[in-house]
Every structure is written in structure tokens, then in C-alpha cells.
Protein backbone atom coordinates (compact mmCIF):
# COMPACT_ATOMS: atom_id res chain seq x y z
CA MET A 1 147.03 102.12 89.44
CA ALA A 2 147.00 98.46 90.46
CA GLU A 3 145.00 95.84 88.59
CA TYR A 4 141.36 96.11 89.63
CA ARG A 5 139.76 93.04 88.09
CA PHE A 6 139.48 91.43 91.51
CA ASP A 7 136.68 88.90 91.20
CA GLU A 8 133.64 88.02 89.13
CA LEU A 9 131.25 89.93 91.38
CA PHE A 10 133.22 93.17 91.17
CA ASP A 11 133.32 92.67 87.40
CA PHE A 12 129.51 92.83 87.43
CA PHE A 13 129.77 96.18 89.18
CA LEU A 14 132.32 97.48 86.66
CA GLU A 15 130.17 96.32 83.76
CA ASP A 16 127.38 98.58 85.03
CA PHE A 17 129.47 101.54 86.19
CA GLY A 18 132.67 101.51 84.17
CA GLU A 19 136.20 102.48 85.12
CA PRO A 20 137.09 104.48 88.26
CA TYR A 21 137.81 108.20 88.09
CA THR A 22 138.96 110.97 90.46
CA VAL A 23 141.11 108.35 92.16
CA GLN A 24 142.75 109.00 95.52
CA GLU A 25 145.21 106.37 96.67
CA ALA A 26 144.01 104.64 99.83
CA ASP A 27 146.07 105.40 102.93
CA GLU A 28 147.54 102.36 104.69
CA LYS A 29 147.09 104.18 108.01
CA VAL A 30 143.35 104.31 107.42
CA MET A 31 143.29 100.61 106.57
CA LYS A 32 145.13 99.86 109.79
CA ALA A 33 142.72 102.03 111.78
CA TYR A 34 139.69 100.22 110.33
CA LYS A 35 141.16 96.73 110.42
CA GLU A 36 138.79 95.65 113.20
CA LYS A 37 135.74 97.36 111.69
CA LEU A 38 135.75 96.45 108.00
CA PRO A 39 136.35 93.22 106.05
CA GLU A 40 139.63 92.54 104.28
CA GLN A 41 137.80 92.33 100.95
CA LEU A 42 137.15 96.08 101.07
CA PHE A 43 140.84 96.78 101.68
CA THR A 44 141.63 94.67 98.62
CA TYR A 45 139.40 96.97 96.58
CA TRP A 46 140.93 100.06 98.16
CA ARG A 47 144.44 98.92 97.28
CA GLY A 48 143.37 98.34 93.70
CA VAL A 49 141.23 101.39 92.91
CA GLY A 50 141.69 103.69 95.90
CA TRP A 51 138.84 105.97 96.91
CA CYS A 52 137.10 107.00 93.71
CA GLY A 53 133.97 107.55 91.66
CA PHE A 54 132.31 105.24 89.13
CA GLY A 55 129.71 105.73 86.42
CA GLU A 56 130.17 109.50 85.96
CA GLY A 57 129.83 109.87 89.72
CA ARG A 58 126.79 107.67 90.26
CA MET A 59 128.63 105.62 92.91
CA TRP A 60 131.68 106.28 95.08
CA MET A 61 134.04 104.16 97.15
CA VAL A 62 134.96 106.42 100.07
CA ASN A 63 137.37 106.94 102.93
CA PRO A 64 135.24 106.19 106.03
CA PHE A 65 137.38 108.44 108.22
CA GLU A 66 136.15 111.49 106.30
CA TYR A 67 132.55 110.56 107.09
CA GLU A 68 132.85 109.79 110.80
CA GLU A 69 131.66 113.21 111.95
CA ILE A 70 128.62 113.37 109.70
CA LEU A 71 127.71 109.76 110.58
CA SER A 72 127.84 110.66 114.26
CA GLN A 73 125.67 113.74 113.69
CA ARG A 74 123.08 111.83 111.66
CA LEU A 75 122.71 109.07 114.24
CA LYS A 76 122.59 111.37 117.25
CA GLY A 77 119.40 110.84 119.22
CA THR A 78 118.74 107.40 117.71
CA GLN A 79 119.21 103.97 119.19
CA LEU A 80 122.36 103.66 117.08
CA GLU A 81 123.98 106.77 118.50
CA ASN A 82 126.60 104.93 120.55
CA ARG A 83 127.37 102.11 118.11
CA LYS A 84 131.11 101.79 117.48
CA ASP A 85 130.89 99.17 114.73
CA LEU A 86 129.52 101.40 111.95
CA SER A 87 131.46 102.85 109.00
CA VAL A 88 130.48 104.66 105.81
CA ILE A 89 131.93 102.63 102.94
CA ALA A 90 130.20 104.19 99.91
CA ARG A 91 127.93 106.96 98.73
CA ASP A 92 126.04 107.80 95.56
CA ALA A 93 125.64 110.88 93.37
CA PHE A 94 122.74 112.14 95.45
CA GLY A 95 124.68 111.92 98.69
CA LYS A 96 123.15 108.73 100.09
CA LEU A 97 125.58 107.11 102.54
CA TYR A 98 125.92 103.33 102.69
CA VAL A 99 126.89 102.20 106.18
CA TRP A 100 128.57 98.89 107.05
CA ALA A 101 128.34 97.16 110.44
CA LYS A 102 131.21 94.92 111.50
CA GLY A 103 130.25 91.25 111.39
CA LYS A 104 126.84 92.06 109.89
CA GLY A 105 127.12 93.80 106.51
CA HIS A 106 125.37 96.71 104.80
CA LEU A 107 123.15 97.82 107.65
CA LEU A 108 122.09 101.40 107.04
CA ASP A 109 121.37 104.03 104.38
CA ILE A 110 121.30 107.76 105.10
CA ASP A 111 119.69 109.89 102.37
CA PRO A 112 120.12 113.69 102.69
CA ASN A 113 117.81 114.64 99.80
CA LEU A 114 114.86 112.70 101.21
CA ASN A 115 116.22 113.11 104.74
CA THR A 116 115.64 109.46 105.61
CA ILE A 117 117.55 106.85 107.60
CA ALA A 118 116.85 103.24 106.62
CA LEU A 119 117.98 100.38 108.83
CA TYR A 120 117.89 96.79 107.58
CA SER A 121 117.01 95.28 110.93
CA ASP A 122 117.32 91.63 109.89
CA ILE A 123 120.96 92.27 108.96
CA ASP A 124 121.59 93.55 112.47
CA LYS A 125 120.81 90.06 113.79
CA ARG A 126 123.69 88.47 111.89
CA ASN A 127 126.98 87.27 113.30
CA LEU A 128 129.09 86.66 110.20
CA THR A 129 132.42 84.89 110.03
CA LYS A 130 135.27 86.71 108.28
CA VAL A 131 134.76 84.58 105.18
CA GLU A 132 131.03 85.32 105.12
CA GLU A 133 131.59 89.03 105.66
CA ASN A 134 134.08 89.20 102.78
CA ARG A 135 131.48 87.54 100.56
CA LYS A 136 128.82 90.03 101.67
CA MET A 137 131.15 92.86 100.70
CA ARG A 138 131.57 91.40 97.22
CA ILE A 139 127.79 91.05 96.92
CA PHE A 140 127.26 94.64 98.10
CA TRP A 141 129.12 96.03 95.08
CA ALA A 142 127.78 93.46 92.60
CA ALA A 143 124.18 94.22 93.59
CA LYS A 144 124.47 97.92 92.78
CA SER A 145 123.11 99.14 89.44
CA PRO A 146 122.31 102.59 88.03
CA LYS A 147 118.60 101.82 88.36
CA ASN A 148 118.64 100.95 92.06
CA ILE A 149 120.55 104.05 93.20
CA GLU A 150 118.37 106.61 91.41
CA LEU A 151 116.50 109.60 92.80
CA TYR A 152 113.08 110.29 91.32
CA ASP A 153 111.20 113.52 90.71
CA GLU A 154 107.56 114.27 91.49
CA GLN A 155 106.46 112.36 88.36
CA ARG A 156 108.52 109.32 89.45
CA LYS A 157 110.98 109.87 86.61
CA PRO A 158 114.70 109.12 87.21
CA MET A 159 116.79 112.24 87.61
CA PHE A 160 120.46 111.31 87.27
CA GLU A 161 120.92 111.61 83.49
CA LYS A 162 119.13 114.97 83.31
CA VAL A 163 120.95 116.33 86.35
CA PHE A 164 124.30 115.11 85.01
CA THR A 165 123.63 116.78 81.65
CA LYS A 166 122.68 120.00 83.41
CA LEU A 167 125.42 120.15 86.07
CA GLY A 168 128.28 117.96 84.83
CA LYS A 169 130.55 115.44 86.53
CA LEU A 170 130.98 115.42 90.29
CA GLN A 171 134.20 115.72 92.24
CA SER A 172 134.93 113.60 95.31
CA ASN A 173 133.42 116.06 97.80
CA GLU A 174 130.39 116.93 95.66
CA MET A 175 126.85 115.59 95.31
CA TYR A 176 123.65 116.61 93.58
CA GLY A 177 121.30 118.18 96.10
CA TRP A 178 118.32 120.46 96.33
CA LYS A 179 118.91 124.17 95.81
CA HIS A 180 115.83 124.66 97.99
CA HIS A 181 115.41 121.58 100.18
CA ILE A 182 112.10 119.75 99.95
CA ALA A 183 111.98 119.94 103.76
CA ILE A 184 111.24 123.64 103.32
CA SER A 185 108.85 123.27 100.36
CA GLY A 186 111.43 123.04 97.58
CA GLU A 187 110.39 121.26 94.39
CA ARG A 188 111.43 117.68 93.74
CA SER A 189 112.71 118.51 90.25
CA VAL A 190 115.82 118.65 88.08
CA GLU A 191 115.52 122.43 88.04
CA ASN A 192 115.85 122.48 91.81
CA MET A 193 119.09 120.44 91.75
CA THR A 194 122.57 121.90 92.09
CA LYS A 195 126.05 120.71 93.01
CA GLN A 196 126.57 120.71 96.76
CA ASN A 197 129.40 119.94 99.15
CA ILE A 198 128.29 116.57 100.51
CA PHE A 199 129.39 117.23 104.09
CA VAL A 200 127.74 120.66 104.23
CA PHE A 201 124.54 119.37 102.63
CA HIS A 202 124.20 116.52 105.14
CA ASP A 203 124.73 118.99 107.96
CA ILE A 204 122.07 121.34 106.58
CA ALA A 205 119.58 118.50 106.05
CA ASN A 206 120.20 117.36 109.61
CA GLN A 207 119.42 120.82 110.93
CA LEU A 208 116.30 121.40 108.82
CA GLU A 209 114.23 118.58 110.24
CA LYS A 210 114.46 115.33 112.15
CA PRO A 211 115.15 112.55 109.62
CA ASP A 212 112.38 110.12 108.73
CA THR A 213 113.33 106.77 110.25
CA SER A 214 110.30 104.79 109.08
CA MET A 215 111.97 103.11 106.08
CA GLY A 216 112.70 99.47 106.85
CA ILE A 217 113.41 100.26 110.50
CA GLU A 218 112.35 98.50 113.65
CA GLY A 219 112.73 100.48 116.85
CA LEU A 220 115.52 102.81 115.75
CA MET A 221 114.35 105.81 117.73
């Protein structure tokens, strides 16, 4: 693996999440295909660590090509349905997708366990230079911490550590998701969590109910 101490901001991320695991070498063809959609800073990270998990699977750097279909499905019927500038760049242990918009930054979160879509509408007003967008990418990773990517149970207690102890480490296509989805009266509890295929789980969540688009969104629907 190449050296992955890229910059001070990524070091902050590594301090919180530790070394990469389940590493898949990034494909140069994918980088070429996304050259006009994603900042060069992300490709620098890809070349160094590939597509991989961090922090026992809390956070993942992903191949956006693998997520194109589910992104399209999740945004169908919304105002963003026909946007061509959006790419999934990361996801967390609970299957939340982090979506980047070219020239703008981290624009959108899609959470399959809560079945929500959150748009950061002020970010959509940006028109970043390449230098600014590279900096925003560095900040995106540095700003992540185990505490701010948690999922909470009915008593507002964080779930990751208990779920990890119960179910073990995730693989690249796995997430922790409801055995019985809360959309159909499942409990919001560790006991109701199981390992799921992330692509299948997003598809199921999408079919169960229309996602809640009220979180930080202005006029999405």
C-alpha cells in the first residue's frame, strides 16, 4: 500500500478512526470516469488507501460507481432526480451515504435505517474553485468523528459499540441494519440489528416507504 499520511487534516481523521482495512485498490478507470465530477484530492486519497473501511467499519471510503444505481433509485421523484453532478464518496457502518456535488461539496446524506434524505441547501449555492473544492474534501474527512456518525436507540444511547460486539466487523458490502425495519414497527434497538447487504437494504428501505426529506432540506420534493 502507498503512504497514506497525506496531510494534517487527514491525520485528524486517522487519529479518530485508525488504519484502513479491507482495502481494495482504486481503479484508474474509475478515477478517469469521475475526473469531471470529483476533486483531485479524493483521487489522492484513493491512490494511497484505495476503497476501504476505517475504525472497525465505522466509516468507509467507497467506489462511487458501485453506488450509482442506488443513488438514482433514492433520488427518484425528488427535485434532484436528474442531477448529473452527484456522487457517493463515503458511507458509514449504518449504511448512511455521503453524497458529493461537483463544485459544491458534501451536499447530501441518505440514511436507510431512518429512511431520511438530508440536503444541505446552503452548500448547493456554492461555486467552488478547484483549490477550494480540494480543501472542502480534506475538511470533509477531518470533520468526521465516531460521535457524529452514530445511530441512537430509543433511549438515545449510541449503538455502534454494542452492535459491533454483537455482530462483529463489517465487510465492504455490509452494514448494520434493522432485522425488522422501523418503517414497519420494528424496534430501534441493538437486538433488532443485524448485518445486511448495503445495496439490498437501501433498496428495501426505498420500497417500504417514501423517505423523509424534512431534514435540513429546502424544496427537495
